[in-house]
Structure formats: structure tokens, C-alpha cells
Amino acid sequence: SAPAVRGRLLVGVDGDAQAERLVRHASRVAQRRHLPWSLVHVDNGRFFDELARTRLQNAQQL
């Protein structure tokens, strides 16, 4: 078992194909380390197609 660490885990995602995988991995790491964690997406004005928007929404719902 991993030792407890102080702090928080912050995960940043965009609408790429790895977003859900990254969120799931971050969730497992946070759970093992007993850390609260947050998911962020910063809108930089870049155009998202429908697939990217769906991926981002799915990642945020995990």
C-alpha cells in the first residue's frame, strides 16, 4: 500500500481520447494515496468538435 501524502491531486483534461483514461488513473492514485482530487478543464477558446466535447463530458462524469 502506498504511503499517505498530504495535499490534493489536480487533474487537467481536454477533449482528447486519453481524457477518460487519465481521470480513471488519477482517481485510483488519489484513492491509494488518500488524497482528495479535482478535475479541471480550462477553456482556452479552442474549437472542440462534437467527439471532443462528448469525451470531455464523459471524463467529467466519472
C-alpha atoms as a PDB file:
ATOM      1  CA  SER A   1       0.000   0.000   0.000  1.00  0.00           C
ATOM      2  CA  ALA A   2       1.262   3.462  -0.899  1.00  0.00           C
ATOM      3  CA  PRO A   3       2.070   5.836   1.958  1.00  0.00           C
ATOM      4  CA  ALA A   4      -0.354   8.650   2.660  1.00  0.00           C
ATOM      5  CA  VAL A   5       0.648  12.006   1.196  1.00  0.00           C
ATOM      6  CA  ARG A   6      -0.607  15.441   2.193  1.00  0.00           C
ATOM      7  CA  GLY A   7      -2.160  17.703  -0.367  1.00  0.00           C
ATOM      8  CA  ARG A   8      -4.515  17.347  -3.282  1.00  0.00           C
ATOM      9  CA  LEU A   9      -4.331  15.855  -6.726  1.00  0.00           C
ATOM     10  CA  LEU A  10      -5.324  18.142  -9.575  1.00  0.00           C
ATOM     11  CA  VAL A  11      -6.031  16.600 -12.974  1.00  0.00           C
ATOM     12  CA  GLY A  12      -6.336  18.706 -16.105  1.00  0.00           C
ATOM     13  CA  VAL A  13      -8.025  17.289 -19.187  1.00  0.00           C
ATOM     14  CA  ASP A  14      -9.058  18.372 -22.624  1.00  0.00           C
ATOM     15  CA  GLY A  15     -11.242  16.554 -25.105  1.00  0.00           C
ATOM     16  CA  ASP A  16      -8.633  14.130 -26.410  1.00  0.00           C
ATOM     17  CA  ALA A  17      -9.008  10.365 -26.468  1.00  0.00           C
ATOM     18  CA  GLN A  18      -6.994   9.955 -23.243  1.00  0.00           C
ATOM     19  CA  ALA A  19      -9.223  12.082 -21.003  1.00  0.00           C
ATOM     20  CA  GLU A  20     -11.274   9.232 -19.521  1.00  0.00           C
ATOM     21  CA  ARG A  21      -8.204   7.054 -19.051  1.00  0.00           C
ATOM     22  CA  LEU A  22      -6.388   9.886 -17.284  1.00  0.00           C
ATOM     23  CA  VAL A  23      -9.333  10.580 -14.968  1.00  0.00           C
ATOM     24  CA  ARG A  24      -9.661   6.905 -14.036  1.00  0.00           C
ATOM     25  CA  HIS A  25      -5.935   6.676 -13.342  1.00  0.00           C
ATOM     26  CA  ALA A  26      -5.983   9.858 -11.242  1.00  0.00           C
ATOM     27  CA  SER A  27      -8.915   8.517  -9.262  1.00  0.00           C
ATOM     28  CA  ARG A  28      -7.020   5.317  -8.452  1.00  0.00           C
ATOM     29  CA  VAL A  29      -3.867   7.230  -7.461  1.00  0.00           C
ATOM     30  CA  ALA A  30      -5.871   9.582  -5.232  1.00  0.00           C
ATOM     31  CA  GLN A  31      -7.619   6.653  -3.605  1.00  0.00           C
ATOM     32  CA  ARG A  32      -4.349   4.806  -2.921  1.00  0.00           C
ATOM     33  CA  ARG A  33      -2.725   7.957  -1.529  1.00  0.00           C
ATOM     34  CA  HIS A  34      -5.816   9.004   0.439  1.00  0.00           C
ATOM     35  CA  LEU A  35      -5.899  12.347  -1.358  1.00  0.00           C
ATOM     36  CA  PRO A  36      -8.838  14.498  -2.326  1.00  0.00           C
ATOM     37  CA  TRP A  37      -8.724  15.266  -6.027  1.00  0.00           C
ATOM     38  CA  SER A  38     -10.256  17.616  -8.528  1.00  0.00           C
ATOM     39  CA  LEU A  39     -10.731  17.640 -12.259  1.00  0.00           C
ATOM     40  CA  VAL A  40     -10.271  20.828 -14.248  1.00  0.00           C
ATOM     41  CA  HIS A  41     -10.733  21.883 -17.812  1.00  0.00           C
ATOM     42  CA  VAL A  42      -9.614  25.343 -18.827  1.00  0.00           C
ATOM     43  CA  ASP A  43     -11.424  26.697 -21.854  1.00  0.00           C
ATOM     44  CA  ASN A  44      -8.749  28.344 -23.959  1.00  0.00           C
ATOM     45  CA  GLY A  45     -11.136  29.234 -26.763  1.00  0.00           C
ATOM     46  CA  ARG A  46     -10.023  26.332 -28.922  1.00  0.00           C
ATOM     47  CA  PHE A  47     -12.750  24.799 -31.081  1.00  0.00           C
ATOM     48  CA  PHE A  48     -13.998  21.394 -29.914  1.00  0.00           C
ATOM     49  CA  ASP A  49     -15.733  19.091 -32.316  1.00  0.00           C
ATOM     50  CA  GLU A  50     -18.664  17.027 -31.072  1.00  0.00           C
ATOM     51  CA  LEU A  51     -16.495  13.975 -30.323  1.00  0.00           C
ATOM     52  CA  ALA A  52     -14.075  16.012 -28.191  1.00  0.00           C
ATOM     53  CA  ARG A  53     -16.981  17.639 -26.346  1.00  0.00           C
ATOM     54  CA  THR A  54     -18.504  14.212 -25.633  1.00  0.00           C
ATOM     55  CA  ARG A  55     -15.167  12.860 -24.394  1.00  0.00           C
ATOM     56  CA  LEU A  56     -14.775  15.804 -22.051  1.00  0.00           C
ATOM     57  CA  GLN A  57     -18.305  15.401 -20.686  1.00  0.00           C
ATOM     58  CA  ASN A  58     -17.750  11.672 -20.141  1.00  0.00           C
ATOM     59  CA  ALA A  59     -14.495  12.322 -18.287  1.00  0.00           C
ATOM     60  CA  GLN A  60     -16.168  14.910 -16.055  1.00  0.00           C
ATOM     61  CA  GLN A  61     -18.904  12.443 -15.110  1.00  0.00           C
ATOM     62  CA  LEU A  62     -16.515   9.752 -13.861  1.00  0.00           C
END
